[in-house]
Amino acid sequence: MTFNDLALTEPLQKAVEKVGYTNPTPIQAQSIPAILNGRDILGCAQTGTGKTAAFSIPTIQLLNNSQETGRGKVAIKSLILTPTRELAIQIGESLADYGKFSNLKHLVIFGGVSQHSQVQALRNGVDILVATPGRLLDLMDQGYISLSKLEIFTLDEADRMLDMGFVHDVKKVIKKIPAKRQTLFFSATMPDAILDLAHSILNNPLKVEVTPVSSTAERIRQEVYFIDKTNKKKLLVDILKESDADRILVFTRTKHGANKVVKDLIKTGITSEAIHGNKTQNARQKALKNFKDKTTRVLVATDIAARGIDIDELAVVINFEIPNIAETYVHRIGRTGRAGSSGVAISFCDYEEKAYLKDIQKLIDQQVPVVEDHDYPMEFFEIPEKKPQQRRPSRNNNRSSTSKRTNSGNTSKRRNVERSKNK
C-alpha cells in the first residue's frame, strides 16, 4: 500500500510527498481511512510507529473539507491533548509539514512560558489546538479558549498522562467539550485505568493495535554488559570514545543521575547535556535543539522527558541504568532503529538490576546477548549491606563525646568474591 491508496486530497498528497513519505506504516494504513470515515479510534502503538501522522493527516483533511470561509473568527475544531511540552512541539511541527498546502491555522500551547503570545494567537483564530493539560485548563478558566465548536478530540500518549498524574485534568477537559464529536485515543500501553478512560469517552471505536509493547524492532541490535555500578562511568566513556556515532542518547532512571552523568562526561571532554523535568522549558528545548543539530553529541535523558525526542537517524541508545519497568525498556530502545534504519541498544546491568533485566527478557520473549569481553567485568554478586548509621552524641549528654567507638568483634568479614561464568 502507498499513500496514493488512502484517498487523500491533492494538497495532502503534495505535503506527504514533500516530507518523503511513500508507504504508510501499519498504524497509518489502518487508522487514516477509518478516521476519514468518521470512526473513533482506540490505538495502541509505541513510539516510532508513525501515530502522529496517523491522526494529524486525516484531521487536516476532515477540517479542510468542512472549512467555512468568510464567517468571522475561526473556532477551534480540533484539540490534540498531549502530556509534555516536547511532544506538543513535535506534533506542532508535524502539523506544519502536513498542513503546508492547507489554509488551516494551528497553535501549540504549554506551560512554563509566558501566555501572552499564545493568547494573541488564540484571539486571531485557531483551527487545530495542540495543548498540555495544565495550560489548556488555565486559559479556559481565564476565558481565552472555548471548545464548544470542537469536532475532533485527540488524546495522545494516554498512558504517560496517567504516569504524570494528568488523568484528573483530562477528565476536566472532557467535561467541557461537546458530547457529539469524533475521538481519537492513542496510548503506548493499555493498563486497566487507561482502558476504563478509553471506554468512557469513545463511541464504537475501531481498535488499532500495532507493534505490541512486548516487541522490539528487528533492526535494533541489543546487547548487555554486566558491570559493577562503580565502573559504569568508565565503560560509558570508553564506548563513547570508541563509537563513531555523532549522536548518542543515554538513559538514567533519575534526574539527579542524569545530571551526574553529564558532569562526568564533560570532565572527559565529551559534549553532553541533560533533559529532564527539573530543567526549564528553554533549557530543555535548547538541549534538544543542540542534540538534533549535532552541537551536543550525547543527550542524557529520563524517561518522561525522552517521549518528545523524535530523531530518525539516531544510531545508538545506551541504558546507563536498567529501567525498573520492563515496558520502558522497549520504549527506550525504540528511539533508535527508526524510519527503516538500523540501531544499537546497549545496556549496563549491575547486580541489583539483574531482576529488572529478567523481567525485560520475559516481556520481549528473548535473551539480550551478553558482551563478555570488556575491561570491567562484574565482580560483586551481592547487594552491598548498608553501613549502620552512627548516632550523634546528644547535646544534653554529659558523657565525653570524644571516646572512640570500638569495632572489636564487630568487624564484618570480607566477602569471598568470585567471578561468575554464568552472568
Protein backbone atom coordinates (compact mmCIF):
# COMPACT_ATOMS: atom_id res chain seq x y z
CA MET A 1 0.00 0.00 0.00
CA THR A 2 1.10 3.57 -0.75
CA PHE A 3 -0.23 6.92 0.41
CA ASN A 4 -1.86 7.20 -3.03
CA ASP A 5 -4.23 4.43 -1.93
CA LEU A 6 -5.53 6.38 1.10
CA ALA A 7 -7.87 8.75 -0.76
CA LEU A 8 -6.07 11.86 0.40
CA THR A 9 -6.85 15.22 -1.17
CA GLU A 10 -4.39 16.79 -3.57
CA PRO A 11 -2.95 19.29 -1.01
CA LEU A 12 -2.28 16.48 1.47
CA GLN A 13 -0.79 14.20 -1.20
CA LYS A 14 1.52 17.04 -2.14
CA ALA A 15 2.51 17.61 1.51
CA VAL A 16 3.11 13.90 2.13
CA GLU A 17 5.33 13.67 -0.92
CA LYS A 18 7.27 16.74 0.19
CA VAL A 19 8.16 15.14 3.54
CA GLY A 20 9.26 11.99 1.70
CA TYR A 21 6.52 9.56 2.68
CA THR A 22 5.72 6.76 0.23
CA ASN A 23 4.32 3.82 2.15
CA PRO A 24 2.18 4.27 5.26
CA THR A 25 3.17 2.46 8.45
CA PRO A 26 0.72 -0.19 9.73
CA ILE A 27 -0.96 2.21 12.15
CA GLN A 28 -1.30 4.84 9.43
CA ALA A 29 -2.70 2.34 6.94
CA GLN A 30 -5.34 1.20 9.43
CA SER A 31 -6.18 4.49 11.12
CA ILE A 32 -6.29 7.07 8.31
CA PRO A 33 -9.16 5.51 6.27
CA ALA A 34 -11.20 4.86 9.44
CA ILE A 35 -10.73 8.41 10.72
CA LEU A 36 -11.68 9.82 7.32
CA ASN A 37 -14.88 7.77 7.58
CA GLY A 38 -15.68 9.37 10.94
CA ARG A 39 -14.79 6.44 13.22
CA ASP A 40 -13.48 6.78 16.76
CA ILE A 41 -10.08 5.15 17.19
CA LEU A 42 -8.55 3.21 20.09
CA GLY A 43 -4.92 2.96 19.05
CA CYS A 44 -2.19 1.04 20.86
CA ALA A 45 1.17 1.87 19.36
CA GLN A 46 4.58 2.58 20.79
CA THR A 47 6.87 5.45 19.93
CA GLY A 48 8.27 5.43 16.41
CA THR A 49 5.33 3.74 14.68
CA GLY A 50 4.09 6.92 12.96
CA LYS A 51 0.98 7.59 15.02
CA THR A 52 1.36 11.38 14.88
CA ALA A 53 0.83 11.25 11.12
CA ALA A 54 -1.91 8.64 11.66
CA PHE A 55 -4.13 11.20 13.42
CA SER A 56 -2.76 14.51 12.03
CA ILE A 57 -3.16 13.80 8.31
CA PRO A 58 -6.84 12.76 8.41
CA THR A 59 -7.64 15.56 10.89
CA ILE A 60 -6.31 18.14 8.44
CA GLN A 61 -8.28 16.61 5.58
CA LEU A 62 -11.55 16.44 7.52
CA LEU A 63 -11.25 20.05 8.68
CA ASN A 64 -10.26 21.25 5.22
CA ASN A 65 -13.35 19.59 3.76
CA SER A 66 -15.65 21.28 6.28
CA GLN A 67 -13.83 24.61 6.48
CA GLU A 68 -16.07 27.66 6.32
CA THR A 69 -14.69 30.88 4.92
CA GLY A 70 -15.86 34.44 5.43
CA ARG A 71 -17.59 33.58 8.71
CA GLY A 72 -15.55 35.78 11.03
CA LYS A 73 -13.31 34.42 13.78
CA VAL A 74 -12.07 30.86 13.32
CA ALA A 75 -13.29 28.45 16.02
CA ILE A 76 -11.22 25.60 17.44
CA LYS A 77 -12.39 22.47 15.61
CA SER A 78 -9.70 20.03 16.73
CA LEU A 79 -7.94 19.60 20.08
CA ILE A 80 -4.87 17.41 20.43
CA LEU A 81 -4.05 16.84 24.10
CA THR A 82 -0.58 15.57 24.96
CA PRO A 83 1.35 15.24 28.26
CA THR A 84 4.62 17.08 27.63
CA ARG A 85 5.87 20.27 26.05
CA GLU A 86 8.31 18.39 23.83
CA LEU A 87 5.56 16.19 22.42
CA ALA A 88 3.31 19.19 21.86
CA ILE A 89 6.05 20.97 19.92
CA GLN A 90 6.79 17.82 17.92
CA ILE A 91 3.11 17.46 16.95
CA GLY A 92 3.02 21.14 16.01
CA GLU A 93 5.97 20.64 13.67
CA SER A 94 4.21 17.68 12.05
CA LEU A 95 1.02 19.69 11.56
CA ALA A 96 3.07 22.41 9.86
CA ASP A 97 4.51 19.82 7.46
CA TYR A 98 1.26 18.03 6.65
CA GLY A 99 -0.82 21.22 6.51
CA LYS A 100 1.65 23.16 4.39
CA PHE A 101 -0.79 23.47 1.49
CA SER A 102 -3.96 23.98 3.53
CA ASN A 103 -5.47 27.16 4.93
CA LEU A 104 -5.79 25.76 8.45
CA LYS A 105 -4.23 27.51 11.43
CA HIS A 106 -2.72 25.51 14.26
CA LEU A 107 -1.32 26.60 17.62
CA VAL A 108 0.78 24.84 20.27
CA ILE A 109 0.31 25.90 23.91
CA PHE A 110 2.06 24.70 27.06
CA GLY A 111 3.04 25.95 30.47
CA GLY A 112 6.39 27.20 31.76
CA VAL A 113 6.43 30.19 29.37
CA SER A 114 4.55 33.48 29.14
CA GLN A 115 1.00 33.08 27.91
CA HIS A 116 0.98 36.45 26.08
CA SER A 117 1.86 35.21 22.58
CA GLN A 118 -0.40 32.20 23.00
CA VAL A 119 -3.36 34.39 23.95
CA GLN A 120 -2.71 36.69 20.99
CA ALA A 121 -2.69 33.74 18.58
CA LEU A 122 -5.93 32.45 20.07
CA ARG A 123 -7.54 35.84 19.51
CA ASN A 124 -6.56 35.66 15.84
CA GLY A 125 -8.35 32.34 15.47
CA VAL A 126 -7.14 28.72 15.53
CA ASP A 127 -8.47 25.60 13.77
CA ILE A 128 -6.26 22.97 15.47
CA LEU A 129 -5.05 23.41 19.04
CA VAL A 130 -2.22 21.28 20.46
CA ALA A 131 -2.02 21.60 24.23
CA THR A 132 -0.74 20.23 27.51
CA PRO A 133 -3.47 19.84 30.14
CA GLY A 134 -2.37 22.45 32.68
CA ARG A 135 -2.01 25.42 30.34
CA LEU A 136 -5.19 24.44 28.47
CA LEU A 137 -7.32 24.46 31.62
CA ASP A 138 -5.67 27.67 32.79
CA LEU A 139 -6.53 29.54 29.58
CA MET A 140 -10.01 28.04 29.54
CA ASP A 141 -10.60 29.27 33.08
CA GLN A 142 -9.46 32.75 32.01
CA GLY A 143 -11.97 32.71 29.15
CA TYR A 144 -9.44 32.68 26.31
CA ILE A 145 -10.38 29.23 24.99
CA SER A 146 -13.78 27.86 24.02
CA LEU A 147 -14.15 24.27 22.85
CA SER A 148 -17.87 24.49 22.13
CA LYS A 149 -17.34 24.03 18.37
CA LEU A 150 -14.91 21.12 18.73
CA GLU A 151 -15.34 18.34 16.17
CA ILE A 152 -12.27 16.13 16.70
CA PHE A 153 -10.65 15.36 20.07
CA THR A 154 -7.31 13.51 20.08
CA LEU A 155 -5.74 12.19 23.27
CA ASP A 156 -2.12 11.25 22.66
CA GLU A 157 0.19 9.27 24.98
CA ALA A 158 -2.66 8.46 27.37
CA ASP A 159 -0.53 6.13 29.49
CA ARG A 160 2.00 8.88 30.08
CA MET A 161 -0.87 11.14 31.14
CA LEU A 162 -1.61 8.56 33.81
CA ASP A 163 2.04 8.29 34.87
CA MET A 164 2.33 12.06 35.20
CA GLY A 165 -0.88 12.44 37.19
CA PHE A 166 -2.82 14.27 34.46
CA VAL A 167 -5.82 11.95 34.23
CA HIS A 168 -7.91 14.20 36.52
CA ASP A 169 -7.13 17.19 34.28
CA VAL A 170 -8.02 15.15 31.18
CA LYS A 171 -11.41 14.33 32.67
CA LYS A 172 -11.96 18.04 33.37
CA VAL A 173 -11.27 18.84 29.73
CA ILE A 174 -13.60 16.09 28.51
CA LYS A 175 -16.48 17.60 30.51
CA LYS A 176 -16.00 20.88 28.65
CA ILE A 177 -16.12 19.55 25.08
CA PRO A 178 -19.20 18.60 23.01
CA ALA A 179 -20.57 15.11 23.54
CA LYS A 180 -21.07 14.80 19.80
CA ARG A 181 -17.55 14.61 18.45
CA GLN A 182 -15.01 12.24 16.91
CA THR A 183 -12.47 10.93 19.43
CA LEU A 184 -9.03 9.54 18.63
CA PHE A 185 -7.37 7.82 21.60
CA PHE A 186 -3.72 6.69 21.43
CA SER A 187 -1.57 5.02 24.07
CA ALA A 188 1.66 3.02 24.01
CA THR A 189 0.32 0.66 26.70
CA MET A 190 -3.19 -0.20 27.83
CA PRO A 191 -3.34 -0.71 31.62
CA ASP A 192 -6.80 -1.08 33.15
CA ALA A 193 -7.04 2.57 34.18
CA ILE A 194 -6.37 3.68 30.60
CA LEU A 195 -8.88 1.20 29.18
CA ASP A 196 -11.52 2.47 31.62
CA LEU A 197 -10.87 6.04 30.47
CA ALA A 198 -10.97 5.00 26.81
CA HIS A 199 -14.27 3.18 27.16
CA SER A 200 -15.81 6.20 28.91
CA ILE A 201 -15.08 8.62 26.04
CA LEU A 202 -15.11 6.50 22.85
CA ASN A 203 -18.12 5.59 20.74
CA ASN A 204 -17.89 2.22 19.00
CA PRO A 205 -14.17 2.66 18.30
CA LEU A 206 -12.04 0.80 15.82
CA LYS A 207 -9.24 -0.84 17.79
CA VAL A 208 -5.89 -0.48 16.08
CA GLU A 209 -3.02 -2.36 17.71
CA VAL A 210 0.36 -2.50 16.03
CA THR A 211 3.84 -3.27 17.27
CA PRO A 212 2.80 -4.56 20.71
CA VAL A 213 4.71 -3.19 23.66
CA SER A 214 6.43 -6.54 24.16
CA SER A 215 8.12 -6.39 20.75
CA THR A 216 11.39 -4.74 19.82
CA ALA A 217 12.37 -3.64 16.36
CA GLU A 218 14.20 -6.30 14.36
CA ARG A 219 16.70 -3.74 13.12
CA ILE A 220 17.89 -2.95 16.65
CA ARG A 221 20.93 -4.91 17.84
CA GLN A 222 20.64 -5.34 21.59
CA GLU A 223 23.47 -6.12 23.98
CA VAL A 224 24.07 -6.02 27.71
CA TYR A 225 27.22 -5.53 29.79
CA PHE A 226 27.27 -6.99 33.30
CA ILE A 227 29.23 -4.47 35.34
CA ASP A 228 29.55 -3.13 38.87
CA LYS A 229 27.81 0.19 39.44
CA THR A 230 31.09 1.93 40.28
CA ASN A 231 32.53 1.11 36.86
CA LYS A 232 29.61 2.23 34.70
CA LYS A 233 31.06 5.69 34.16
CA LYS A 234 34.35 4.26 32.88
CA LEU A 235 32.61 1.89 30.48
CA LEU A 236 30.37 4.66 29.18
CA VAL A 237 33.34 6.91 28.44
CA ASP A 238 35.17 4.06 26.68
CA ILE A 239 32.18 3.21 24.48
CA LEU A 240 31.57 6.86 23.60
CA LYS A 241 35.21 7.37 22.64
CA GLU A 242 35.31 4.20 20.54
CA SER A 243 32.00 4.84 18.77
CA ASP A 244 31.86 6.88 15.57
CA ALA A 245 28.18 7.75 16.14
CA ASP A 246 27.65 11.52 16.05
CA ARG A 247 24.60 11.39 18.36
CA ILE A 248 24.05 9.05 21.28
CA LEU A 249 21.11 9.01 23.68
CA VAL A 250 21.81 7.86 27.26
CA PHE A 251 19.06 6.95 29.72
CA THR A 252 19.08 7.21 33.51
CA ARG A 253 16.27 6.47 35.95
CA THR A 254 16.52 9.74 37.88
CA LYS A 255 17.05 13.45 37.23
CA HIS A 256 19.96 13.52 39.67
CA GLY A 257 21.54 10.58 37.86
CA ALA A 258 21.23 12.37 34.51
CA ASN A 259 22.95 15.47 35.87
CA LYS A 260 25.76 13.40 37.37
CA VAL A 261 26.43 11.54 34.11
CA VAL A 262 26.59 14.82 32.20
CA LYS A 263 29.02 16.27 34.74
CA ASP A 264 31.27 13.22 34.46
CA LEU A 265 31.22 13.23 30.64
CA ILE A 266 32.03 16.92 30.36
CA LYS A 267 35.11 16.33 32.54
CA THR A 268 36.38 13.89 29.91
CA GLY A 269 35.78 16.34 27.06
CA ILE A 270 32.59 14.75 25.70
CA THR A 271 29.91 17.31 24.85
CA SER A 272 26.72 16.36 26.66
CA GLU A 273 23.54 17.84 28.10
CA ALA A 274 20.71 16.57 30.29
CA ILE A 275 16.99 16.74 29.64
CA HIS A 276 14.51 16.08 32.44
CA GLY A 277 11.56 17.54 34.30
CA ASN A 278 13.58 19.84 36.56
CA LYS A 279 15.01 21.73 33.60
CA THR A 280 13.26 24.90 32.45
CA GLN A 281 11.37 24.79 29.17
CA ASN A 282 14.01 26.93 27.46
CA ALA A 283 16.82 24.71 28.74
CA ARG A 284 15.06 21.54 27.55
CA GLN A 285 14.36 22.96 24.11
CA LYS A 286 17.92 24.23 23.78
CA ALA A 287 19.35 20.84 24.77
CA LEU A 288 17.09 19.06 22.29
CA LYS A 289 17.95 21.51 19.51
CA ASN A 290 21.69 21.14 20.18
CA PHE A 291 21.32 17.37 20.06
CA LYS A 292 19.34 17.42 16.82
CA ASP A 293 21.82 19.70 15.04
CA LYS A 294 24.75 17.67 16.46
CA THR A 295 26.20 20.53 18.51
CA THR A 296 25.82 18.21 21.51
CA ARG A 297 26.91 14.63 20.92
CA VAL A 298 25.38 12.98 24.00
CA LEU A 299 21.92 13.68 25.40
CA VAL A 300 21.26 12.18 28.84
CA ALA A 301 17.55 11.80 29.48
CA THR A 302 14.98 10.50 31.92
CA ASP A 303 12.06 8.53 30.52
CA ILE A 304 9.32 11.16 30.73
CA ALA A 305 11.42 13.85 29.05
CA ALA A 306 12.52 11.45 26.30
CA ARG A 307 8.97 10.99 24.98
CA GLY A 308 9.46 14.16 22.94
CA ILE A 309 12.67 13.05 21.26
CA ASP A 310 11.91 12.17 17.65
CA ILE A 311 15.09 11.72 15.61
CA ASP A 312 15.20 9.35 12.64
CA GLU A 313 18.98 8.99 12.39
CA LEU A 314 19.82 8.01 15.98
CA ALA A 315 22.26 5.11 15.81
CA VAL A 316 22.89 4.31 19.48
CA VAL A 317 20.86 4.25 22.69
CA ILE A 318 22.56 3.39 26.00
CA ASN A 319 20.74 2.33 29.16
CA PHE A 320 23.19 3.62 31.75
CA GLU A 321 20.66 2.28 34.25
CA ILE A 322 18.26 -0.57 33.50
CA PRO A 323 14.64 0.65 33.79
CA ASN A 324 12.66 -0.85 36.65
CA ILE A 325 9.56 -1.15 34.41
CA ALA A 326 10.01 -3.68 31.62
CA GLU A 327 7.83 -1.83 29.07
CA THR A 328 10.01 1.25 29.49
CA TYR A 329 12.95 -0.69 28.03
CA VAL A 330 11.03 -1.21 24.79
CA HIS A 331 10.18 2.50 24.58
CA ARG A 332 13.79 3.48 25.28
CA ILE A 333 15.43 1.31 22.64
CA GLY A 334 12.69 2.25 20.18
CA ARG A 335 14.38 5.65 19.90
CA THR A 336 16.90 4.02 17.57
CA GLY A 337 16.27 1.88 14.50
CA ARG A 338 13.61 4.29 13.25
CA ALA A 339 12.45 5.03 9.71
CA GLY A 340 13.97 1.82 8.37
CA SER A 341 17.43 2.49 9.82
CA SER A 342 19.43 0.06 11.92
CA GLY A 343 20.41 0.81 15.50
CA VAL A 344 22.23 -0.42 18.59
CA ALA A 345 20.79 -0.58 22.11
CA ILE A 346 23.40 -1.07 24.85
CA SER A 347 22.50 -1.75 28.49
CA PHE A 348 24.69 -1.62 31.61
CA CYS A 349 23.45 -4.06 34.24
CA ASP A 350 24.79 -4.16 37.79
CA TYR A 351 23.89 -6.86 40.31
CA GLU A 352 20.89 -5.00 41.72
CA GLU A 353 19.45 -4.57 38.22
CA LYS A 354 19.54 -8.23 37.25
CA ALA A 355 15.93 -8.67 38.35
CA TYR A 356 14.89 -5.82 36.05
CA LEU A 357 16.72 -7.45 33.14
CA LYS A 358 14.97 -10.74 33.85
CA ASP A 359 11.59 -9.00 33.65
CA ILE A 360 12.58 -7.32 30.38
CA GLN A 361 13.66 -10.59 28.78
CA LYS A 362 10.42 -12.21 29.86
CA LEU A 363 8.42 -9.37 28.32
CA ILE A 364 10.23 -9.33 24.97
CA ASP A 365 10.49 -13.13 24.96
CA GLN A 366 14.18 -13.17 24.10
CA GLN A 367 17.55 -13.16 25.77
CA VAL A 368 19.57 -9.99 25.34
CA PRO A 369 23.06 -11.02 24.13
CA VAL A 370 25.77 -10.55 26.76
CA VAL A 371 29.06 -8.84 25.93
CA GLU A 372 31.62 -10.92 27.81
CA ASP A 373 34.84 -9.34 26.59
CA HIS A 374 35.19 -5.94 28.23
CA ASP A 375 37.53 -4.26 30.70
CA TYR A 376 35.15 -4.02 33.66
CA PRO A 377 33.58 -7.45 34.29
CA MET A 378 31.24 -7.72 37.24
CA GLU A 379 32.99 -8.72 40.46
CA PHE A 380 30.38 -8.26 43.15
CA PHE A 381 27.43 -10.63 43.18
CA GLU A 382 25.70 -9.49 46.33
CA ILE A 383 23.87 -6.29 47.14
CA PRO A 384 26.19 -4.30 49.45
CA GLU A 385 24.94 -4.02 53.00
CA LYS A 386 24.19 -0.53 54.19
CA LYS A 387 26.59 0.67 56.86
CA PRO A 388 24.92 1.25 60.23
CA GLN A 389 24.38 4.94 60.85
CA GLN A 390 26.30 6.29 63.82
CA ARG A 391 24.26 8.22 66.35
CA ARG A 392 25.37 11.71 67.09
CA PRO A 393 26.01 12.37 70.78
CA SER A 394 23.14 14.14 72.49
CA ARG A 395 23.82 17.75 73.39
CA ASN A 396 22.39 17.06 76.81
CA ASN A 397 24.61 14.06 77.37
CA ASN A 398 27.31 14.83 79.91
CA ARG A 399 29.44 11.93 78.77
CA SER A 400 32.52 12.63 76.75
CA SER A 401 31.83 12.65 73.05
CA THR A 402 35.45 12.08 72.15
CA SER A 403 35.62 8.42 73.09
CA LYS A 404 36.32 6.18 70.15
CA ARG A 405 33.76 3.61 69.15
CA THR A 406 35.24 0.12 69.24
CA ASN A 407 34.75 -2.24 66.35
CA SER A 408 36.22 -5.18 68.18
CA GLY A 409 34.33 -8.33 67.42
CA ASN A 410 32.06 -6.49 65.04
CA THR A 411 34.32 -6.26 62.03
CA SER A 412 32.43 -7.78 59.13
CA LYS A 413 34.23 -10.48 57.27
CA ARG A 414 35.32 -9.70 53.77
CA ARG A 415 33.08 -11.45 51.26
CA ASN A 416 34.55 -14.18 49.14
CA VAL A 417 34.31 -12.75 45.68
CA GLU A 418 34.46 -14.92 42.62
CA ARG A 419 33.59 -14.23 39.07
CA SER A 420 30.53 -15.95 37.76
CA LYS A 421 30.91 -17.72 34.49
CA ASN A 422 27.16 -17.57 34.05
CA LYS A 423 26.16 -13.93 34.43
